[in-house]
């Protein structure tokens, strides 16, 4: 998921505008903190859920 941003810095006489975008999913899943671990677990939860359903259904 790409997220765009724009920032404006005004210093008395001049103004600087910076804009860009970044991949939010890569940002979250590339770190090692608790939030990042939770994001990685969420990303894989669909496969785990499907595997559990297949096991329950006997496939």
N, C-alpha and C. Protein backbone atom coordinates (compact mmCIF):
# COMPACT_ATOMS: atom_id res chain seq x y z
N UNK A 1 0.85 -1.17 0.00
CA UNK A 1 0.00 0.00 0.00
C UNK A 1 0.89 1.23 0.00
N UNK A 2 0.77 2.05 -1.00
CA UNK A 2 1.59 3.25 -1.11
C UNK A 2 0.86 4.42 -0.45
N UNK A 3 1.61 5.19 0.33
CA UNK A 3 1.07 6.34 1.04
C UNK A 3 1.82 7.58 0.55
N UNK A 4 1.09 8.60 0.16
CA UNK A 4 1.71 9.85 -0.29
C UNK A 4 1.74 10.87 0.83
N UNK A 5 2.70 11.78 0.76
CA UNK A 5 2.80 12.84 1.76
C UNK A 5 3.30 14.12 1.12
N UNK A 6 2.97 15.25 1.74
CA UNK A 6 3.46 16.57 1.34
C UNK A 6 3.72 17.35 2.61
N UNK A 7 4.89 18.00 2.67
CA UNK A 7 5.25 18.81 3.84
C UNK A 7 5.73 20.17 3.35
N UNK A 8 5.34 21.22 4.05
CA UNK A 8 5.76 22.57 3.71
C UNK A 8 6.50 23.17 4.90
N UNK A 9 7.70 23.68 4.64
CA UNK A 9 8.50 24.33 5.67
C UNK A 9 8.65 25.80 5.29
N UNK A 10 8.17 26.69 6.16
CA UNK A 10 8.27 28.12 5.89
C UNK A 10 9.26 28.76 6.85
N UNK A 11 10.27 29.41 6.29
CA UNK A 11 11.29 30.10 7.07
C UNK A 11 11.32 31.54 6.62
N UNK A 12 10.70 32.41 7.35
CA UNK A 12 10.57 33.84 7.08
C UNK A 12 10.54 34.22 5.61
N UNK A 13 11.64 34.06 4.89
CA UNK A 13 11.70 34.53 3.50
C UNK A 13 11.40 33.42 2.49
N UNK A 14 11.78 32.18 2.78
CA UNK A 14 11.63 31.10 1.81
C UNK A 14 10.71 30.00 2.33
N UNK A 15 10.14 29.29 1.39
CA UNK A 15 9.33 28.12 1.72
C UNK A 15 9.86 26.93 0.93
N UNK A 16 9.89 25.78 1.56
CA UNK A 16 10.33 24.56 0.91
C UNK A 16 9.19 23.56 0.99
N UNK A 17 8.86 22.97 -0.15
CA UNK A 17 7.81 21.95 -0.19
C UNK A 17 8.45 20.62 -0.56
N UNK A 18 8.20 19.61 0.26
CA UNK A 18 8.73 18.27 0.02
C UNK A 18 7.54 17.33 -0.13
N UNK A 19 7.59 16.48 -1.16
CA UNK A 19 6.51 15.51 -1.32
C UNK A 19 7.09 14.20 -1.82
N UNK A 20 6.35 13.13 -1.60
CA UNK A 20 6.81 11.82 -2.03
C UNK A 20 5.82 10.77 -1.61
N UNK A 21 6.25 9.52 -1.66
CA UNK A 21 5.40 8.42 -1.22
C UNK A 21 6.28 7.27 -0.75
N UNK A 22 5.67 6.36 0.00
CA UNK A 22 6.39 5.20 0.52
C UNK A 22 5.43 4.03 0.65
N UNK A 23 6.00 2.83 0.73
CA UNK A 23 5.21 1.61 0.87
C UNK A 23 5.00 1.35 2.35
N UNK A 24 3.78 1.58 2.83
CA UNK A 24 3.47 1.44 4.26
C UNK A 24 3.67 0.02 4.75
N UNK A 25 3.28 -0.97 3.97
CA UNK A 25 3.43 -2.37 4.39
C UNK A 25 4.90 -2.72 4.59
N UNK A 26 5.76 -2.31 3.67
CA UNK A 26 7.19 -2.59 3.80
C UNK A 26 7.77 -1.89 5.02
N UNK A 27 7.32 -0.66 5.27
CA UNK A 27 7.81 0.09 6.43
C UNK A 27 7.45 -0.64 7.72
N UNK A 28 6.22 -1.09 7.83
CA UNK A 28 5.76 -1.75 9.05
C UNK A 28 6.43 -3.11 9.24
N UNK A 29 6.51 -3.91 8.17
CA UNK A 29 7.02 -5.26 8.31
C UNK A 29 8.55 -5.36 8.29
N UNK A 30 9.24 -4.28 8.01
CA UNK A 30 10.71 -4.35 7.96
C UNK A 30 11.35 -4.10 9.32
N UNK A 31 10.63 -3.63 10.30
CA UNK A 31 11.22 -3.37 11.61
C UNK A 31 11.05 -4.56 12.54
N UNK A 32 11.53 -4.45 13.77
CA UNK A 32 11.51 -5.61 14.66
C UNK A 32 10.74 -5.38 15.96
N UNK A 33 10.04 -4.26 16.09
CA UNK A 33 9.30 -3.97 17.31
C UNK A 33 8.02 -4.78 17.42
N UNK A 34 7.32 -4.61 18.52
CA UNK A 34 6.09 -5.35 18.78
C UNK A 34 5.03 -5.07 17.72
N UNK A 35 4.88 -3.80 17.32
CA UNK A 35 3.90 -3.45 16.29
C UNK A 35 4.23 -4.16 14.98
N UNK A 36 5.51 -4.23 14.66
CA UNK A 36 5.94 -4.89 13.42
C UNK A 36 5.67 -6.38 13.47
N UNK A 37 5.90 -6.99 14.63
CA UNK A 37 5.61 -8.42 14.77
C UNK A 37 4.12 -8.68 14.60
N UNK A 38 3.30 -7.78 15.14
CA UNK A 38 1.85 -7.92 15.00
C UNK A 38 1.44 -7.76 13.54
N UNK A 39 2.06 -6.83 12.83
CA UNK A 39 1.74 -6.63 11.41
C UNK A 39 2.11 -7.86 10.60
N UNK A 40 3.27 -8.46 10.89
CA UNK A 40 3.68 -9.67 10.18
C UNK A 40 2.71 -10.82 10.45
N UNK A 41 2.25 -10.92 11.71
CA UNK A 41 1.30 -11.97 12.06
C UNK A 41 -0.02 -11.76 11.33
N UNK A 42 -0.46 -10.51 11.24
CA UNK A 42 -1.69 -10.19 10.52
C UNK A 42 -1.56 -10.54 9.05
N UNK A 43 -0.40 -10.26 8.47
CA UNK A 43 -0.18 -10.53 7.06
C UNK A 43 -0.31 -12.03 6.78
N UNK A 44 0.15 -12.87 7.69
CA UNK A 44 0.12 -14.31 7.49
C UNK A 44 -1.13 -14.99 8.03
N UNK A 45 -2.03 -14.24 8.62
CA UNK A 45 -3.18 -14.88 9.27
C UNK A 45 -4.12 -15.52 8.28
N UNK A 46 -4.22 -15.02 7.06
CA UNK A 46 -5.13 -15.62 6.09
C UNK A 46 -4.67 -17.02 5.70
N UNK A 47 -3.36 -17.20 5.50
CA UNK A 47 -2.85 -18.53 5.17
C UNK A 47 -3.08 -19.49 6.34
N UNK A 48 -2.85 -19.01 7.56
CA UNK A 48 -3.05 -19.86 8.74
C UNK A 48 -4.52 -20.24 8.89
N UNK A 49 -5.40 -19.30 8.65
CA UNK A 49 -6.84 -19.55 8.74
C UNK A 49 -7.27 -20.57 7.70
N UNK A 50 -6.79 -20.41 6.45
CA UNK A 50 -7.11 -21.36 5.39
C UNK A 50 -6.60 -22.76 5.72
N UNK A 51 -5.38 -22.84 6.26
CA UNK A 51 -4.80 -24.14 6.62
C UNK A 51 -5.62 -24.80 7.72
N UNK A 52 -6.05 -24.01 8.70
CA UNK A 52 -6.85 -24.55 9.78
C UNK A 52 -8.20 -25.06 9.27
N UNK A 53 -8.81 -24.29 8.36
CA UNK A 53 -10.08 -24.73 7.77
C UNK A 53 -9.92 -26.04 7.00
N UNK A 54 -8.83 -26.16 6.23
CA UNK A 54 -8.59 -27.38 5.49
C UNK A 54 -8.40 -28.57 6.42
N UNK A 55 -7.70 -28.33 7.54
CA UNK A 55 -7.48 -29.40 8.51
C UNK A 55 -8.82 -29.83 9.13
N UNK A 56 -9.65 -28.88 9.47
CA UNK A 56 -10.94 -29.18 10.08
C UNK A 56 -11.83 -29.95 9.10
N UNK A 57 -11.77 -29.56 7.83
CA UNK A 57 -12.60 -30.20 6.81
C UNK A 57 -12.04 -31.55 6.38
N UNK A 58 -10.83 -31.92 6.86
CA UNK A 58 -10.26 -33.20 6.55
C UNK A 58 -9.58 -33.30 5.20
N UNK A 59 -9.13 -32.17 4.66
CA UNK A 59 -8.44 -32.15 3.36
C UNK A 59 -6.96 -32.12 3.55
